[in-house]
C-alpha atoms as a PDB file:
ATOM      1  CA  MET A   1      32.092 -51.092 -30.956  1.00  0.00           C
ATOM      2  CA  THR A   2      30.843 -48.727 -33.533  1.00  0.00           C
ATOM      3  CA  THR A   3      27.886 -46.481 -33.155  1.00  0.00           C
ATOM      4  CA  SER A   4      25.628 -45.946 -36.031  1.00  0.00           C
ATOM      5  CA  VAL A   5      24.179 -42.649 -37.160  1.00  0.00           C
ATOM      6  CA  ALA A   6      20.732 -43.801 -36.010  1.00  0.00           C
ATOM      7  CA  THR A   7      21.985 -44.437 -32.480  1.00  0.00           C
ATOM      8  CA  VAL A   8      23.509 -40.969 -32.289  1.00  0.00           C
ATOM      9  CA  ALA A   9      20.247 -39.496 -33.600  1.00  0.00           C
ATOM     10  CA  TRP A  10      18.216 -41.385 -30.975  1.00  0.00           C
ATOM     11  CA  ILE A  11      20.524 -40.219 -28.185  1.00  0.00           C
ATOM     12  CA  GLY A  12      20.250 -36.626 -29.417  1.00  0.00           C
ATOM     13  CA  THR A  13      16.466 -36.861 -29.665  1.00  0.00           C
ATOM     14  CA  GLY A  14      16.259 -38.348 -26.180  1.00  0.00           C
ATOM     15  CA  GLY A  15      18.355 -35.500 -24.803  1.00  0.00           C
ATOM     16  CA  VAL A  16      16.085 -32.935 -26.445  1.00  0.00           C
ATOM     17  CA  VAL A  17      12.941 -34.627 -25.090  1.00  0.00           C
ATOM     18  CA  VAL A  18      14.374 -34.904 -21.571  1.00  0.00           C
ATOM     19  CA  GLY A  19      15.468 -31.271 -21.742  1.00  0.00           C
ATOM     20  CA  ALA A  20      12.005 -30.181 -22.870  1.00  0.00           C
ATOM     21  CA  VAL A  21      10.319 -32.151 -20.086  1.00  0.00           C
ATOM     22  CA  VAL A  22      12.660 -30.736 -17.431  1.00  0.00           C
ATOM     23  CA  SER A  23      12.145 -27.227 -18.780  1.00  0.00           C
ATOM     24  CA  ALA A  24       8.364 -27.646 -18.809  1.00  0.00           C
ATOM     25  CA  LEU A  25       8.389 -28.963 -15.229  1.00  0.00           C
ATOM     26  CA  ALA A  26      10.565 -26.069 -14.080  1.00  0.00           C
ATOM     27  CA  SER A  27       8.224 -23.577 -15.756  1.00  0.00           C
ATOM     28  CA  TRP A  28       5.181 -25.223 -14.221  1.00  0.00           C
ATOM     29  CA  LEU A  29       6.757 -25.258 -10.765  1.00  0.00           C
ATOM     30  CA  THR A  30       7.679 -21.579 -11.076  1.00  0.00           C
ATOM     31  CA  ALA A  31       4.116 -20.709 -12.082  1.00  0.00           C
ATOM     32  CA  VAL A  32       2.710 -22.638  -9.106  1.00  0.00           C
ATOM     33  CA  VAL A  33       5.043 -20.925  -6.659  1.00  0.00           C
ATOM     34  CA  ILE A  34       4.322 -17.458  -8.072  1.00  0.00           C
ATOM     35  CA  SER A  35       0.555 -17.968  -8.094  1.00  0.00           C
ATOM     36  CA  THR A  36       0.620 -19.341  -4.526  1.00  0.00           C
ATOM     37  CA  ARG A  37       2.575 -16.318  -3.322  1.00  0.00           C
ATOM     38  CA  ALA A  38       0.261 -13.948  -5.193  1.00  0.00           C
ATOM     39  CA  ALA A  39      -2.800 -15.615  -3.676  1.00  0.00           C
ATOM     40  CA  GLY A  40      -1.301 -15.299  -0.196  1.00  0.00           C
ATOM     41  CA  GLU A  41      -0.489 -11.628  -0.744  1.00  0.00           C
ATOM     42  CA  ALA A  42      -3.994 -10.973  -2.076  1.00  0.00           C
ATOM     43  CA  ARG A  43      -5.484 -12.729   0.959  1.00  0.00           C
ATOM     44  CA  SER A  44      -3.333 -10.574   3.247  1.00  0.00           C
ATOM     45  CA  GLU A  45      -4.439  -7.416   1.464  1.00  0.00           C
ATOM     46  CA  ARG A  46      -8.110  -8.389   1.768  1.00  0.00           C
ATOM     47  CA  ARG A  47      -7.629  -9.105   5.468  1.00  0.00           C
ATOM     48  CA  ARG A  48      -5.778  -5.822   5.968  1.00  0.00           C
ATOM     49  CA  GLY A  49      -8.596  -3.911   4.249  1.00  0.00           C
ATOM     50  CA  ALA A  50     -11.317  -5.725   6.216  1.00  0.00           C
ATOM     51  CA  TYR A  51      -9.593  -5.142   9.559  1.00  0.00           C
ATOM     52  CA  GLY A  52      -8.995  -1.476   8.762  1.00  0.00           C
ATOM     53  CA  ALA A  53     -12.598  -0.883   7.706  1.00  0.00           C
ATOM     54  CA  PHE A  54     -13.896  -2.645  10.805  1.00  0.00           C
ATOM     55  CA  LEU A  55     -11.680  -0.599  13.125  1.00  0.00           C
ATOM     56  CA  GLY A  56     -12.854   2.549  11.329  1.00  0.00           C
ATOM     57  CA  SER A  57     -16.489   1.634  11.889  1.00  0.00           C
ATOM     58  CA  LEU A  58     -15.812   1.094  15.594  1.00  0.00           C
ATOM     59  CA  ASP A  59     -14.228   4.545  15.733  1.00  0.00           C
ATOM     60  CA  GLU A  60     -17.352   5.902  14.090  1.00  0.00           C
ATOM     61  CA  ILE A  61     -19.663   4.737  16.899  1.00  0.00           C
ATOM     62  CA  LEU A  62     -17.212   5.583  19.671  1.00  0.00           C
ATOM     63  CA  SER A  63     -16.719   9.106  18.322  1.00  0.00           C
ATOM     64  CA  LEU A  64     -20.428   9.824  18.868  1.00  0.00           C
ATOM     65  CA  TYR A  65     -20.053  10.042  22.626  1.00  0.00           C
ATOM     66  CA  LEU A  66     -17.757  11.498  25.213  1.00  0.00           C
ATOM     67  CA  THR A  67     -19.426   9.763  28.132  1.00  0.00           C
ATOM     68  CA  PRO A  68     -22.433   7.462  28.384  1.00  0.00           C
ATOM     69  CA  GLU A  69     -24.356  10.346  29.952  1.00  0.00           C
ATOM     70  CA  ASP A  70     -23.643  12.536  26.913  1.00  0.00           C
ATOM     71  CA  PHE A  71     -24.724   9.701  24.618  1.00  0.00           C
ATOM     72  CA  GLY A  72     -27.987   9.296  26.503  1.00  0.00           C
ATOM     73  CA  ARG A  73     -28.617  13.055  26.674  1.00  0.00           C
ATOM     74  CA  GLN A  74     -27.957  13.512  22.967  1.00  0.00           C
ATOM     75  CA  LEU A  75     -30.187  10.557  22.191  1.00  0.00           C
ATOM     76  CA  LYS A  76     -33.069  12.197  24.072  1.00  0.00           C
ATOM     77  CA  GLU A  77     -32.495  15.832  23.044  1.00  0.00           C
ATOM     78  CA  ASP A  78     -31.006  15.793  19.532  1.00  0.00           C
ATOM     79  CA  PRO A  79     -33.328  14.418  16.819  1.00  0.00           C
ATOM     80  CA  ASP A  80     -30.379  13.973  14.438  1.00  0.00           C
ATOM     81  CA  PHE A  81     -28.376  11.860  16.871  1.00  0.00           C
ATOM     82  CA  ALA A  82     -30.338   8.592  16.622  1.00  0.00           C
ATOM     83  CA  PRO A  83     -30.009   8.382  12.807  1.00  0.00           C
ATOM     84  CA  LEU A  84     -26.256   9.066  13.099  1.00  0.00           C
ATOM     85  CA  ALA A  85     -25.912   6.357  15.722  1.00  0.00           C
ATOM     86  CA  ARG A  86     -27.927   3.889  13.601  1.00  0.00           C
ATOM     87  CA  LYS A  87     -25.721   4.655  10.609  1.00  0.00           C
ATOM     88  CA  ALA A  88     -22.593   4.042  12.683  1.00  0.00           C
ATOM     89  CA  LEU A  89     -24.027   0.771  14.014  1.00  0.00           C
ATOM     90  CA  SER A  90     -24.911  -0.296  10.462  1.00  0.00           C
ATOM     91  CA  SER A  91     -21.339   0.441   9.465  1.00  0.00           C
ATOM     92  CA  ILE A  92     -20.109  -1.970  12.160  1.00  0.00           C
ATOM     93  CA  SER A  93     -22.432  -4.647  10.825  1.00  0.00           C
ATOM     94  CA  ARG A  94     -21.407  -4.062   7.214  1.00  0.00           C
ATOM     95  CA  THR A  95     -17.659  -4.108   7.868  1.00  0.00           C
ATOM     96  CA  SER A  96     -17.809  -7.085  10.203  1.00  0.00           C
ATOM     97  CA  VAL A  97     -18.684  -9.273   7.226  1.00  0.00           C
ATOM     98  CA  GLY A  98     -15.223  -8.704   5.752  1.00  0.00           C
ATOM     99  CA  VAL A  99     -13.567  -9.743   9.008  1.00  0.00           C
ATOM    100  CA  VAL A 100     -15.737 -12.850   9.262  1.00  0.00           C
ATOM    101  CA  LEU A 101     -14.846 -13.842   5.686  1.00  0.00           C
ATOM    102  CA  THR A 102     -11.106 -13.112   5.806  1.00  0.00           C
ATOM    103  CA  GLY A 103     -10.152 -13.048   9.478  1.00  0.00           C
ATOM    104  CA  SER A 104      -8.737 -15.569  11.858  1.00  0.00           C
ATOM    105  CA  GLU A 105     -10.770 -17.476  14.427  1.00  0.00           C
ATOM    106  CA  GLU A 106      -9.714 -14.990  17.124  1.00  0.00           C
ATOM    107  CA  ALA A 107     -10.862 -12.080  14.966  1.00  0.00           C
ATOM    108  CA  ARG A 108     -14.230 -13.730  14.334  1.00  0.00           C
ATOM    109  CA  THR A 109     -14.670 -14.264  18.071  1.00  0.00           C
ATOM    110  CA  ALA A 110     -13.939 -10.581  18.720  1.00  0.00           C
ATOM    111  CA  VAL A 111     -16.452  -9.593  16.046  1.00  0.00           C
ATOM    112  CA  LYS A 112     -19.127 -11.714  17.739  1.00  0.00           C
ATOM    113  CA  GLY A 113     -18.577  -9.833  21.003  1.00  0.00           C
ATOM    114  CA  ILE A 114     -18.788  -6.483  19.269  1.00  0.00           C
ATOM    115  CA  GLU A 115     -21.901  -7.575  17.356  1.00  0.00           C
ATOM    116  CA  ASN A 116     -23.594  -8.517  20.638  1.00  0.00           C
ATOM    117  CA  ALA A 117     -22.823  -5.068  22.060  1.00  0.00           C
ATOM    118  CA  ARG A 118     -24.051  -3.482  18.824  1.00  0.00           C
ATOM    119  CA  TRP A 119     -27.412  -5.219  19.174  1.00  0.00           C
ATOM    120  CA  GLY A 120     -27.647  -3.900  22.728  1.00  0.00           C
ATOM    121  CA  LEU A 121     -27.073  -0.361  21.454  1.00  0.00           C
ATOM    122  CA  TYR A 122     -29.770  -0.857  18.809  1.00  0.00           C
ATOM    123  CA  ALA A 123     -32.190  -1.812  21.570  1.00  0.00           C
ATOM    124  CA  ILE A 124     -31.308   1.371  23.485  1.00  0.00           C
ATOM    125  CA  LEU A 125     -31.827   3.461  20.338  1.00  0.00           C
ATOM    126  CA  LYS A 126     -35.332   2.030  20.022  1.00  0.00           C
ATOM    127  CA  LYS A 127     -36.156   2.864  23.656  1.00  0.00           C
ATOM    128  CA  PRO A 128     -34.184   6.021  24.528  1.00  0.00           C
ATOM    129  CA  ASP A 129     -35.970   6.321  27.888  1.00  0.00           C
ATOM    130  CA  ASP A 130     -34.338   3.101  29.121  1.00  0.00           C
ATOM    131  CA  LEU A 131     -30.581   3.688  29.202  1.00  0.00           C
ATOM    132  CA  ALA A 132     -29.793   0.763  31.503  1.00  0.00           C
ATOM    133  CA  GLY A 133     -26.637  -0.936  30.382  1.00  0.00           C
ATOM    134  CA  LEU A 134     -25.551   1.857  28.024  1.00  0.00           C
ATOM    135  CA  SER A 135     -22.358   2.550  29.936  1.00  0.00           C
ATOM    136  CA  SER A 136     -21.315  -1.099  29.995  1.00  0.00           C
ATOM    137  CA  LEU A 137     -22.112  -1.560  26.284  1.00  0.00           C
ATOM    138  CA  LEU A 138     -20.032   1.451  25.256  1.00  0.00           C
ATOM    139  CA  GLN A 139     -17.218   0.344  27.556  1.00  0.00           C
ATOM    140  CA  GLN A 140     -17.389  -3.169  26.108  1.00  0.00           C
ATOM    141  CA  ILE A 141     -17.132  -1.832  22.542  1.00  0.00           C
ATOM    142  CA  ALA A 142     -14.174   0.385  23.508  1.00  0.00           C
ATOM    143  CA  GLU A 143     -12.345  -2.523  25.171  1.00  0.00           C
ATOM    144  CA  LEU A 144     -13.048  -4.884  22.284  1.00  0.00           C
ATOM    145  CA  GLN A 145     -11.827  -2.239  19.834  1.00  0.00           C
ATOM    146  CA  VAL A 146      -8.489  -2.054  21.656  1.00  0.00           C
ATOM    147  CA  SER A 147      -8.119  -5.837  21.826  1.00  0.00           C
ATOM    148  CA  PHE A 148      -9.152  -6.220  18.171  1.00  0.00           C
ATOM    149  CA  GLY A 149      -6.636  -3.519  17.200  1.00  0.00           C
ATOM    150  CA  ASP A 150      -3.878  -5.390  19.036  1.00  0.00           C
ATOM    151  CA  LEU A 151      -4.917  -8.638  17.376  1.00  0.00           C
ATOM    152  CA  ALA A 152      -4.942  -6.967  13.957  1.00  0.00           C
ATOM    153  CA  LYS A 153      -1.432  -5.557  14.487  1.00  0.00           C
ATOM    154  CA  GLU A 154      -0.164  -8.965  15.512  1.00  0.00           C
ATOM    155  CA  GLU A 155      -1.787 -10.823  12.615  1.00  0.00           C
ATOM    156  CA  LEU A 156      -0.932  -8.303   9.936  1.00  0.00           C
ATOM    157  CA  ALA A 157       2.682  -7.941  11.010  1.00  0.00           C
ATOM    158  CA  GLY A 158       3.383 -11.471   9.819  1.00  0.00           C
ATOM    159  CA  PRO A 159       6.451 -13.503  10.621  1.00  0.00           C
ATOM    160  CA  PRO A 160       9.775 -11.711  10.707  1.00  0.00           C
ATOM    161  CA  PRO A 161      12.011 -12.057   7.658  1.00  0.00           C
ATOM    162  CA  ARG A 162      14.161 -15.168   7.702  1.00  0.00           C
ATOM    163  CA  ARG A 163      17.394 -13.184   7.888  1.00  0.00           C
ATOM    164  CA  ARG A 164      16.372 -11.670  11.234  1.00  0.00           C
ATOM    165  CA  ILE A 165      15.720 -15.125  12.635  1.00  0.00           C
ATOM    166  CA  LEU A 166      19.136 -16.356  11.499  1.00  0.00           C
ATOM    167  CA  ARG A 167      20.927 -13.375  13.033  1.00  0.00           C
ATOM    168  CA  LYS A 168      19.355 -13.972  16.424  1.00  0.00           C
ATOM    169  CA  ARG A 169      20.604 -17.547  16.716  1.00  0.00           C
ATOM    170  CA  ARG A 170      23.211 -18.097  19.360  1.00  0.00           C
ATOM    171  CA  PRO A 171      26.431 -19.977  18.663  1.00  0.00           C
ATOM    172  CA  SER A 172      26.283 -23.677  19.337  1.00  0.00           C
ATOM    173  CA  ALA A 173      27.292 -24.822  22.815  1.00  0.00           C
ATOM    174  CA  VAL A 174      29.111 -27.873  21.424  1.00  0.00           C
ATOM    175  CA  GLY A 175      32.549 -26.211  21.299  1.00  0.00           C
ATOM    176  CA  THR A 176      32.218 -24.600  24.727  1.00  0.00           C
ATOM    177  CA  GLU A 177      31.951 -27.945  26.545  1.00  0.00           C
ATOM    178  CA  ALA A 178      35.474 -28.946  25.540  1.00  0.00           C
ATOM    179  CA  MET A 179      36.912 -25.667  26.837  1.00  0.00           C
ATOM    180  CA  SER A 180      35.679 -26.080  30.415  1.00  0.00           C
END
């Protein structure tokens, strides 16, 4: 059987076309993988920034008092204290938006608890003569800050690298059964 020049040309052309299609698919797949990874890293960075800003705003309100009694006394005696406290409470509200948009369900739940306490503090700022519940609100914010900080550490740490998982695997017990 003889092959003609046209047959050889068609085989060569087919090889080139198949090679081009495979190359294009490989390039497309690489681009998809890279863009997916980049999107995930960007999402992680946004979450990291939102969590950090939110924790900073909680520090801002908690740094305004040593004890609930001091908070109440300063609120009554220092005319500059109420605007500082309002600014710190506004900061909590502003930074909580980032957590709500980028955070996990657990983080959003924690933010809701802190927002409820924040509204209670706003009410106390409006009526500084009625300090009922101030101690519990400040304690609630402090406790939620600690639990949110722990949650943030856990979420932002991410899964361990695959190599560490492989190193921790124990040898299979299949060979040990024959020895006993």
